[in-house]
Every structure is written in C-alpha cells, then in structure tokens.
C-alpha cells in the first residue's frame, strides 16, 4: 500500500522540480556575482569537455580552446544548474527511498529475531517441562517398585477389618 504512494510522491516531486529548474535557469544570469561565477563554471566545463572530446577522437589536445561568448556561457551554465538541481532532487528521492526501505527491512528483521527468540524460549520451556515429567515418572516408578506387588493388590486389604473379616458392601 505504501510503496505506490511513495512512488507517486517521488514522481510528483520530480515533476514539480522541473519548473523550479527552469526558473533557476532563467534567474541564474541576472545576479551579477552569480552570473560571473556561472560563467567561470561554464568556461571550465567547456574547456574540460572539449579536451576530453579531442582525446577521444584522437585530435591534438595542445591546441588553444576558444572560450565561449558570455551569453553562450550563461546559457550553458544555466542549463547545467537546472540539470544539477533536477539530478539532486532525484538523487535525494532515491536516497530517501533506499533509507526507508532499509529501515523497513531492519524492522522486519527485528521482528523475525523476536519471533525466533520466542520460539527458542518456548522450546526451552518445553524441554524443562519434559524433564520435570520424566522426573515425576521416575518417582512414580520408584514408589511402585517400593511397594512391590502387594502395593498393586492393596485394594483387597482396604475392604477387610483389622480382625481379618470382610466389610459388608
């Protein structure tokens, strides 16, 4: 029951974060200090990706890489910020789901341990009870041996008076 609700909540969260990411993209280039910061990030990202592409395709890597113009850098950095935001929200949702699942499994494991402990305790109680019954049976056997056959036939003497005459029924 809870799993579909969590999945639906995660999907709703991802869907809601897309407009927020679009808003971040739009506002990323407006603040002057933040604008310069994201331009620097975009230029570094451009240099890194261009160098990696050149290495992959076997081109020379010691060539000077032209920097992006300011607007392209702002747009690239804004896209990166938006994607990072969506990725971060999705990652947080996945981490939350994994933690929730592990807590659930831990609770189930604890219940299993408690059930196992209860079964072990019950087994020990039954073993103790069997031992007590064995001991009582041994005592009864000892009493029966002590009285011998006369103990078994003692019921005849119960109906006889002290002088040896039988009691009337």
N, C-alpha and C. Protein backbone atom coordinates (compact mmCIF):
# COMPACT_ATOMS: atom_id res chain seq x y z
N UNK A 1 0.83 -1.19 0.00
CA UNK A 1 0.00 0.00 0.00
C UNK A 1 0.87 1.25 0.00
N UNK A 2 1.89 1.27 0.84
CA UNK A 2 2.70 2.48 0.98
C UNK A 2 3.62 2.68 -0.21
N UNK A 3 4.07 1.58 -0.84
CA UNK A 3 5.01 1.68 -1.94
C UNK A 3 4.45 2.49 -3.11
N UNK A 4 3.23 2.25 -3.59
CA UNK A 4 2.71 3.08 -4.69
C UNK A 4 2.59 4.55 -4.31
N UNK A 5 2.25 4.83 -3.07
CA UNK A 5 2.13 6.23 -2.63
C UNK A 5 3.50 6.91 -2.66
N UNK A 6 4.52 6.21 -2.22
CA UNK A 6 5.89 6.77 -2.23
C UNK A 6 6.35 6.99 -3.66
N UNK A 7 6.09 6.01 -4.52
CA UNK A 7 6.49 6.14 -5.93
C UNK A 7 5.77 7.33 -6.57
N UNK A 8 4.49 7.46 -6.28
CA UNK A 8 3.72 8.58 -6.83
C UNK A 8 4.25 9.91 -6.29
N UNK A 9 4.61 9.94 -5.02
CA UNK A 9 5.18 11.15 -4.42
C UNK A 9 6.51 11.51 -5.06
N UNK A 10 7.33 10.50 -5.32
CA UNK A 10 8.63 10.73 -5.97
C UNK A 10 8.44 11.29 -7.37
N UNK A 11 7.48 10.73 -8.11
CA UNK A 11 7.19 11.21 -9.45
C UNK A 11 6.68 12.65 -9.41
N UNK A 12 5.81 12.95 -8.45
CA UNK A 12 5.30 14.32 -8.31
C UNK A 12 6.43 15.28 -7.97
N UNK A 13 7.35 14.86 -7.12
CA UNK A 13 8.49 15.71 -6.74
C UNK A 13 9.36 16.02 -7.95
N UNK A 14 9.63 14.98 -8.75
CA UNK A 14 10.44 15.19 -9.96
C UNK A 14 9.73 16.13 -10.92
N UNK A 15 8.42 15.96 -11.07
CA UNK A 15 7.65 16.81 -11.97
C UNK A 15 7.63 18.25 -11.48
N UNK A 16 7.53 18.44 -10.18
CA UNK A 16 7.50 19.80 -9.63
C UNK A 16 8.86 20.47 -9.71
N UNK A 17 9.93 19.70 -9.69
CA UNK A 17 11.26 20.33 -9.69
C UNK A 17 11.64 20.84 -11.08
N UNK A 18 11.01 20.36 -12.13
CA UNK A 18 11.34 20.83 -13.48
C UNK A 18 11.02 22.31 -13.67
N UNK A 19 9.84 22.80 -13.26
CA UNK A 19 9.62 24.25 -13.37
C UNK A 19 10.55 25.08 -12.48
N UNK A 20 10.90 24.52 -11.35
CA UNK A 20 11.84 25.22 -10.46
C UNK A 20 13.19 25.30 -11.15
N UNK A 21 13.59 24.23 -11.81
CA UNK A 21 14.86 24.24 -12.54
C UNK A 21 14.81 25.25 -13.68
N UNK A 22 13.68 25.34 -14.36
CA UNK A 22 13.54 26.34 -15.43
C UNK A 22 13.65 27.75 -14.86
N UNK A 23 13.06 27.97 -13.70
CA UNK A 23 13.15 29.29 -13.06
C UNK A 23 14.60 29.58 -12.66
N UNK A 24 15.31 28.57 -12.14
CA UNK A 24 16.72 28.75 -11.80
C UNK A 24 17.54 29.12 -13.05
N UNK A 25 17.24 28.45 -14.14
CA UNK A 25 17.95 28.75 -15.40
C UNK A 25 17.72 30.20 -15.79
N UNK A 26 16.48 30.63 -15.67
CA UNK A 26 16.13 31.99 -16.08
C UNK A 26 16.82 33.03 -15.18
N UNK A 27 16.79 32.79 -13.89
CA UNK A 27 17.32 33.78 -12.93
C UNK A 27 18.83 33.65 -12.72
N UNK A 28 19.44 32.58 -13.23
CA UNK A 28 20.86 32.35 -12.98
C UNK A 28 21.74 33.47 -13.52
N UNK A 29 21.39 34.01 -14.66
CA UNK A 29 22.24 35.03 -15.26
C UNK A 29 21.94 36.45 -14.85
N UNK A 30 20.96 36.66 -13.98
CA UNK A 30 20.56 38.02 -13.62
C UNK A 30 21.39 38.63 -12.50
N UNK A 31 21.76 37.87 -11.53
CA UNK A 31 22.54 38.39 -10.40
C UNK A 31 24.00 38.51 -10.84
N UNK A 32 24.63 39.71 -10.69
CA UNK A 32 25.97 39.93 -11.26
C UNK A 32 27.06 39.00 -10.72
N UNK A 33 27.15 38.81 -9.40
CA UNK A 33 28.19 37.95 -8.84
C UNK A 33 27.94 36.49 -9.23
N UNK A 34 26.71 36.07 -9.16
CA UNK A 34 26.37 34.70 -9.52
C UNK A 34 26.59 34.48 -11.01
N UNK A 35 26.29 35.53 -11.80
CA UNK A 35 26.49 35.45 -13.25
C UNK A 35 27.97 35.19 -13.56
N UNK A 36 28.86 35.94 -12.93
CA UNK A 36 30.28 35.74 -13.17
C UNK A 36 30.73 34.36 -12.70
N UNK A 37 30.19 33.90 -11.58
CA UNK A 37 30.52 32.58 -11.06
C UNK A 37 30.11 31.49 -12.05
N UNK A 38 28.88 31.58 -12.59
CA UNK A 38 28.44 30.53 -13.51
C UNK A 38 29.14 30.63 -14.86
N UNK A 39 29.54 31.84 -15.24
CA UNK A 39 30.32 31.97 -16.48
C UNK A 39 31.66 31.25 -16.32
N UNK A 40 32.30 31.43 -15.17
CA UNK A 40 33.57 30.74 -14.91
C UNK A 40 33.38 29.21 -14.92
N UNK A 41 32.29 28.76 -14.32
CA UNK A 41 32.00 27.32 -14.32
C UNK A 41 31.77 26.83 -15.74
N UNK A 42 31.00 27.58 -16.52
CA UNK A 42 30.71 27.19 -17.90
C UNK A 42 31.98 27.14 -18.74
N UNK A 43 32.88 28.12 -18.56
CA UNK A 43 34.13 28.13 -19.33
C UNK A 43 34.99 26.92 -18.95
N UNK A 44 35.07 26.62 -17.65
CA UNK A 44 35.86 25.46 -17.21
C UNK A 44 35.25 24.17 -17.75
N UNK A 45 33.93 24.07 -17.71
CA UNK A 45 33.25 22.89 -18.24
C UNK A 45 33.50 22.76 -19.74
N UNK A 46 33.44 23.90 -20.46
CA UNK A 46 33.67 23.90 -21.91
C UNK A 46 35.10 23.42 -22.22
N UNK A 47 36.07 23.92 -21.49
CA UNK A 47 37.46 23.52 -21.72
C UNK A 47 37.64 22.02 -21.43
N UNK A 48 37.07 21.55 -20.34
CA UNK A 48 37.19 20.14 -19.96
C UNK A 48 36.55 19.24 -21.01
N UNK A 49 35.31 19.54 -21.39
CA UNK A 49 34.61 18.67 -22.36
C UNK A 49 35.27 18.71 -23.73
N UNK A 50 35.74 19.88 -24.15
CA UNK A 50 36.41 19.97 -25.45
C UNK A 50 37.70 19.17 -25.44
N UNK A 51 38.47 19.26 -24.37
CA UNK A 51 39.71 18.50 -24.26
C UNK A 51 39.41 16.99 -24.26
N UNK A 52 38.39 16.57 -23.53
CA UNK A 52 38.03 15.15 -23.49
C UNK A 52 37.58 14.67 -24.87
N UNK A 53 36.79 15.49 -25.56
CA UNK A 53 36.35 15.10 -26.91
C UNK A 53 37.55 14.97 -27.86
N UNK A 54 38.48 15.89 -27.75
CA UNK A 54 39.67 15.84 -28.62
C UNK A 54 40.48 14.56 -28.33
N UNK A 55 40.61 14.20 -27.06
CA UNK A 55 41.34 12.98 -26.72
C UNK A 55 40.62 11.74 -27.23
N UNK A 56 39.29 11.72 -27.08
CA UNK A 56 38.51 10.57 -27.54
C UNK A 56 38.64 10.37 -29.04
N UNK A 57 38.56 11.47 -29.78
CA UNK A 57 38.62 11.37 -31.25
C UNK A 57 40.05 11.37 -31.79
N UNK A 58 41.05 11.44 -30.93
CA UNK A 58 42.43 11.36 -31.35
C UNK A 58 42.98 12.66 -31.95
N UNK A 59 42.38 13.79 -31.67
CA UNK A 59 42.86 15.08 -32.17
C UNK A 59 43.91 15.64 -31.21
N UNK A 60 44.59 16.63 -31.64
CA UNK A 60 45.62 17.28 -30.81
C UNK A 60 44.95 17.98 -29.63
N UNK A 61 45.56 17.84 -28.46
CA UNK A 61 44.99 18.45 -27.26
C UNK A 61 45.76 19.69 -26.83
N UNK A 62 46.87 19.98 -27.47
CA UNK A 62 47.65 21.15 -27.07
C UNK A 62 47.21 22.41 -27.81
N UNK A 63 46.09 22.35 -28.50
CA UNK A 63 45.56 23.49 -29.24
C UNK A 63 44.80 24.37 -28.26
N UNK A 64 44.91 25.69 -28.48
CA UNK A 64 44.18 26.62 -27.63
C UNK A 64 42.69 26.51 -27.90
N UNK A 65 41.92 26.40 -26.82
CA UNK A 65 40.46 26.28 -26.94
C UNK A 65 39.87 27.67 -26.74
N UNK A 66 39.10 28.09 -27.73
CA UNK A 66 38.48 29.41 -27.62
C UNK A 66 37.37 29.39 -26.57
N UNK A 67 37.32 30.38 -25.72
CA UNK A 67 36.26 30.43 -24.70
C UNK A 67 34.90 30.75 -25.36
N UNK A 68 33.85 30.35 -24.67
CA UNK A 68 32.50 30.66 -25.12
C UNK A 68 32.25 32.14 -24.95
N UNK A 69 31.36 32.69 -25.81
CA UNK A 69 30.99 34.09 -25.56
C UNK A 69 30.11 34.13 -24.30
N UNK A 70 29.92 35.29 -23.76
CA UNK A 70 29.28 35.44 -22.45
C UNK A 70 27.87 34.86 -22.42
N UNK A 71 27.08 35.11 -23.45
CA UNK A 71 25.70 34.63 -23.47
C UNK A 71 25.63 33.11 -23.57
N UNK A 72 26.49 32.53 -24.42
CA UNK A 72 26.51 31.08 -24.52
C UNK A 72 26.98 30.46 -23.21
N UNK A 73 27.93 31.09 -22.54
CA UNK A 73 28.42 30.59 -21.26
C UNK A 73 27.32 30.65 -20.20
N UNK A 74 26.58 31.76 -20.18
CA UNK A 74 25.48 31.89 -19.22
C UNK A 74 24.42 30.82 -19.50
N UNK A 75 24.08 30.63 -20.77
CA UNK A 75 23.07 29.64 -21.13
C UNK A 75 23.54 28.23 -20.77
N UNK A 76 24.79 27.91 -21.07
CA UNK A 76 25.33 26.59 -20.76
C UNK A 76 25.36 26.36 -19.25
N UNK A 77 25.79 27.36 -18.51
CA UNK A 77 25.83 27.23 -17.05
C UNK A 77 24.42 27.14 -16.46
N UNK A 78 23.50 27.90 -17.02
CA UNK A 78 22.11 27.83 -16.54
C UNK A 78 21.53 26.44 -16.79
N UNK A 79 21.82 25.89 -17.96
CA UNK A 79 21.37 24.52 -18.24
C UNK A 79 21.99 23.54 -17.26
N UNK A 80 23.28 23.72 -16.98
CA UNK A 80 23.97 22.85 -16.04
C UNK A 80 23.36 22.97 -14.64
N UNK A 81 23.07 24.20 -14.21
CA UNK A 81 22.47 24.40 -12.88
C UNK A 81 21.10 23.74 -12.82
N UNK A 82 20.30 23.91 -13.88
CA UNK A 82 18.98 23.29 -13.91
C UNK A 82 19.06 21.78 -13.86
N UNK A 83 19.96 21.20 -14.65
CA UNK A 83 20.11 19.75 -14.65
C UNK A 83 20.65 19.24 -13.32
N UNK A 84 21.58 19.98 -12.73
CA UNK A 84 22.09 19.59 -11.42
C UNK A 84 20.99 19.61 -10.36
N UNK A 85 20.12 20.61 -10.45
CA UNK A 85 19.01 20.69 -9.49
C UNK A 85 18.09 19.48 -9.64
N UNK A 86 17.70 19.17 -10.88
CA UNK A 86 16.83 18.01 -11.12
C UNK A 86 17.52 16.73 -10.65
N UNK A 87 18.80 16.59 -10.98
CA UNK A 87 19.55 15.41 -10.58
C UNK A 87 19.66 15.30 -9.06
N UNK A 88 19.89 16.42 -8.40
CA UNK A 88 19.99 16.43 -6.94
C UNK A 88 18.68 16.02 -6.29
N UNK A 89 17.57 16.55 -6.79
CA UNK A 89 16.26 16.18 -6.24
C UNK A 89 15.99 14.70 -6.47
N UNK A 90 16.28 14.22 -7.68
CA UNK A 90 16.07 12.80 -7.98
C UNK A 90 16.97 11.94 -7.09
N UNK A 91 18.21 12.34 -6.93
CA UNK A 91 19.13 11.59 -6.06
C UNK A 91 18.67 11.57 -4.62
N UNK A 92 18.18 12.70 -4.14
CA UNK A 92 17.67 12.76 -2.77
C UNK A 92 16.45 11.85 -2.61
N UNK A 93 15.60 11.81 -3.63
CA UNK A 93 14.43 10.93 -3.58
C UNK A 93 14.87 9.46 -3.54
N UNK A 94 15.86 9.12 -4.32
CA UNK A 94 16.36 7.74 -4.34
C UNK A 94 16.98 7.40 -2.98
N UNK A 95 17.77 8.30 -2.43
CA UNK A 95 18.40 8.06 -1.13
C UNK A 95 17.32 7.89 -0.06
N UNK A 96 16.30 8.75 -0.10
CA UNK A 96 15.20 8.64 0.85
C UNK A 96 14.52 7.28 0.74
N UNK A 97 14.25 6.85 -0.49
CA UNK A 97 13.59 5.56 -0.72
C UNK A 97 14.45 4.40 -0.22
N UNK A 98 15.75 4.46 -0.47
CA UNK A 98 16.64 3.39 -0.01
C UNK A 98 16.68 3.35 1.52
N UNK A 99 16.76 4.51 2.15
CA UNK A 99 16.79 4.54 3.61
C UNK A 99 15.47 4.03 4.19
N UNK A 100 14.36 4.43 3.59
CA UNK A 100 13.06 3.97 4.06
C UNK A 100 12.96 2.45 3.92
N UNK A 101 13.42 1.95 2.80
CA UNK A 101 13.38 0.52 2.56
C UNK A 101 14.28 -0.23 3.56
N UNK A 102 15.45 0.31 3.82
CA UNK A 102 16.37 -0.35 4.76
C UNK A 102 15.81 -0.32 6.18
N UNK A 103 15.15 0.78 6.55
CA UNK A 103 14.51 0.84 7.87
C UNK A 103 13.40 -0.20 7.97
N UNK A 104 12.64 -0.34 6.90
CA UNK A 104 11.57 -1.33 6.86
C UNK A 104 12.14 -2.74 6.99
N UNK A 105 13.20 -3.01 6.26
CA UNK A 105 13.84 -4.32 6.34
C UNK A 105 14.42 -4.56 7.74
N UNK A 106 14.96 -3.52 8.34
CA UNK A 106 15.51 -3.66 9.69
C UNK A 106 14.40 -3.99 10.69
N UNK A 107 13.24 -3.34 10.53
CA UNK A 107 12.11 -3.65 11.40
C UNK A 107 11.66 -5.09 11.21
N UNK A 108 11.58 -5.53 9.96
CA UNK A 108 11.18 -6.91 9.68
C UNK A 108 12.18 -7.89 10.29
N UNK A 109 13.45 -7.59 10.16
CA UNK A 109 14.49 -8.45 10.71
C UNK A 109 14.40 -8.50 12.23
N UNK A 110 14.12 -7.38 12.85
CA UNK A 110 13.97 -7.34 14.31
C UNK A 110 12.77 -8.19 14.74
N UNK A 111 11.66 -8.10 13.99
CA UNK A 111 10.50 -8.94 14.30
C UNK A 111 10.84 -10.42 14.14
N UNK A 112 11.59 -10.75 13.09
CA UNK A 112 12.00 -12.15 12.90
C UNK A 112 12.86 -12.62 14.06
N UNK A 113 13.78 -11.77 14.51
CA UNK A 113 14.64 -12.13 15.64
C UNK A 113 13.81 -12.34 16.90
N UNK A 114 12.83 -11.47 17.13
CA UNK A 114 11.98 -11.61 18.30
C UNK A 114 11.16 -12.90 18.24
N UNK A 115 10.62 -13.22 17.05
CA UNK A 115 9.86 -14.46 16.89
C UNK A 115 10.76 -15.66 17.13
N UNK A 116 11.97 -15.62 16.60
CA UNK A 116 12.92 -16.71 16.79
C UNK A 116 13.27 -16.86 18.27
N UNK A 117 13.47 -15.75 18.95
CA UNK A 117 13.78 -15.78 20.38
C UNK A 117 12.60 -16.36 21.16
N UNK A 118 11.37 -15.99 20.78
CA UNK A 118 10.19 -16.53 21.45
C UNK A 118 10.08 -18.03 21.21
N UNK A 119 10.38 -18.48 20.00
CA UNK A 119 10.35 -19.91 19.71
C UNK A 119 11.42 -20.66 20.51
N UNK A 120 12.61 -20.08 20.62
CA UNK A 120 13.68 -20.70 21.40
C UNK A 120 13.27 -20.80 22.87
N UNK A 121 12.66 -19.73 23.39
CA UNK A 121 12.22 -19.72 24.78
C UNK A 121 11.15 -20.79 25.00
N UNK A 122 10.23 -20.89 24.06
CA UNK A 122 9.17 -21.90 24.15
C UNK A 122 9.78 -23.30 24.12
N UNK A 123 10.76 -23.50 23.25
CA UNK A 123 11.44 -24.79 23.16
C UNK A 123 12.13 -25.12 24.49
N UNK A 124 12.80 -24.14 25.07
CA UNK A 124 13.46 -24.36 26.35
C UNK A 124 12.43 -24.69 27.44
N UNK A 125 11.30 -23.99 27.43
CA UNK A 125 10.25 -24.27 28.41
C UNK A 125 9.71 -25.68 28.25
N UNK A 126 9.51 -26.10 27.00
CA UNK A 126 9.01 -27.45 26.75
C UNK A 126 10.03 -28.50 27.19
N UNK A 127 11.31 -28.26 26.92
CA UNK A 127 12.36 -29.19 27.36
C UNK A 127 12.35 -29.29 28.88
N UNK A 128 12.22 -28.17 29.55
CA UNK A 128 12.18 -28.16 31.01
C UNK A 128 10.96 -28.94 31.53
N UNK A 129 9.82 -28.74 30.89
CA UNK A 129 8.60 -29.43 31.30
C UNK A 129 8.72 -30.94 31.06
N UNK A 130 9.31 -31.34 29.93
CA UNK A 130 9.52 -32.76 29.66
C UNK A 130 10.44 -33.36 30.72
N UNK A 131 11.49 -32.65 31.09
CA UNK A 131 12.41 -33.13 32.13
C UNK A 131 11.68 -33.30 33.46
N UNK A 132 10.81 -32.36 33.80
CA UNK A 132 10.04 -32.46 35.05
C UNK A 132 9.11 -33.67 35.02
N UNK A 133 8.47 -33.88 33.86
CA UNK A 133 7.58 -35.03 33.73
C UNK A 133 8.35 -36.34 33.82
N UNK A 134 9.53 -36.38 33.23
CA UNK A 134 10.37 -37.57 33.33
C UNK A 134 10.74 -37.84 34.79
N UNK A 135 11.07 -36.76 35.49
CA UNK A 135 11.45 -36.91 36.90
C UNK A 135 10.27 -37.43 37.72
N UNK A 136 9.08 -36.90 37.49
CA UNK A 136 7.89 -37.34 38.21
C UNK A 136 7.58 -38.80 37.88
N UNK A 137 7.74 -39.17 36.60
CA UNK A 137 7.51 -40.56 36.20
C UNK A 137 8.49 -41.49 36.90
N UNK A 138 9.74 -41.08 36.99
CA UNK A 138 10.74 -41.88 37.70
C UNK A 138 10.37 -42.04 39.17
N UNK A 139 9.88 -40.96 39.79
CA UNK A 139 9.45 -41.03 41.19
C UNK A 139 8.30 -42.01 41.36
N UNK A 140 7.34 -41.94 40.41
CA UNK A 140 6.21 -42.86 40.49
C UNK A 140 6.66 -44.30 40.31
N UNK A 141 7.60 -44.54 39.41
CA UNK A 141 8.12 -45.89 39.20
C UNK A 141 8.84 -46.37 40.45
N UNK A 142 9.59 -45.50 41.10
CA UNK A 142 10.29 -45.87 42.33
C UNK A 142 9.29 -46.22 43.44
N UNK A 143 8.21 -45.42 43.53
CA UNK A 143 7.19 -45.71 44.54
C UNK A 143 6.52 -47.05 44.25
N UNK A 144 6.25 -47.31 42.99
CA UNK A 144 5.61 -48.57 42.62
C UNK A 144 6.52 -49.75 42.91
N UNK A 145 7.80 -49.61 42.63
CA UNK A 145 8.75 -50.68 42.92
C UNK A 145 8.89 -50.89 44.41
N UNK A 146 8.84 -49.81 45.16
CA UNK A 146 8.98 -49.89 46.62
C UNK A 146 7.83 -50.63 47.25
N UNK A 147 6.65 -50.50 46.75
CA UNK A 147 5.50 -51.19 47.32
C UNK A 147 5.39 -52.60 46.77
N UNK A 148 6.03 -52.87 45.67
CA UNK A 148 6.02 -54.22 45.10
C UNK A 148 4.64 -54.62 44.65
N UNK A 149 4.43 -55.93 44.54
CA UNK A 149 3.14 -56.45 44.09
C UNK A 149 2.07 -56.25 45.14
N UNK A 150 2.46 -56.21 46.39
CA UNK A 150 1.47 -56.01 47.44
C UNK A 150 0.84 -54.63 47.32
N UNK A 151 1.60 -53.68 46.81
CA UNK A 151 1.05 -52.35 46.60
C UNK A 151 -0.02 -52.34 45.52
N UNK A 152 0.17 -53.22 44.54
CA UNK A 152 -0.82 -53.29 43.47
C UNK A 152 -2.11 -53.94 43.95
N UNK A 153 -1.97 -54.93 44.83
CA UNK A 153 -3.15 -55.65 45.29
C UNK A 153 -3.63 -55.13 46.64
N UNK A 154 -3.18 -54.00 47.06
CA UNK A 154 -3.51 -53.43 48.34
C UNK A 154 -4.99 -53.09 48.43
N UNK A 155 -5.65 -52.98 47.34
CA UNK A 155 -7.06 -52.60 47.37
C UNK A 155 -7.91 -53.68 48.06
N UNK A 156 -7.48 -54.99 48.07
CA UNK A 156 -8.22 -56.04 48.72
C UNK A 156 -8.18 -55.86 50.24
N UNK A 157 -7.06 -55.41 50.73
CA UNK A 157 -6.91 -55.22 52.17
C UNK A 157 -7.68 -54.02 52.66
N UNK A 158 -8.03 -53.13 51.80
CA UNK A 158 -8.76 -51.94 52.23
C UNK A 158 -10.18 -52.30 52.63
N UNK A 159 -10.71 -53.40 52.14
CA UNK A 159 -12.08 -53.77 52.45
C UNK A 159 -12.17 -54.79 53.59
N UNK A 160 -11.07 -55.05 54.26
CA UNK A 160 -11.01 -56.03 55.33
C UNK A 160 -10.79 -55.29 56.64
N UNK A 161 -11.45 -55.71 57.70
CA UNK A 161 -11.28 -55.08 59.00
C UNK A 161 -10.00 -55.58 59.64
N UNK A 162 -9.67 -55.06 60.81
CA UNK A 162 -8.44 -55.41 61.48
C UNK A 162 -8.41 -56.87 61.93
N UNK A 163 -9.53 -57.44 62.17
CA UNK A 163 -9.53 -58.83 62.60
C UNK A 163 -9.59 -59.80 61.44
N UNK A 164 -9.54 -59.28 60.19
CA UNK A 164 -9.45 -60.14 59.02
C UNK A 164 -10.80 -60.44 58.38
N UNK A 165 -11.88 -59.91 58.94
CA UNK A 165 -13.21 -60.15 58.37
C UNK A 165 -13.51 -59.12 57.30
N UNK A 166 -14.23 -59.50 56.32
CA UNK A 166 -14.59 -58.60 55.22
C UNK A 166 -15.69 -57.66 55.66
N UNK A 167 -15.61 -56.43 55.16
CA UNK A 167 -16.65 -55.44 55.43
C UNK A 167 -17.83 -55.64 54.48
N UNK A 168 -19.03 -55.45 54.98
CA UNK A 168 -20.17 -55.58 54.06
C UNK A 168 -20.26 -54.38 53.13
N UNK A 169 -20.71 -54.60 51.93
CA UNK A 169 -20.84 -53.52 50.93
C UNK A 169 -22.11 -52.80 51.05
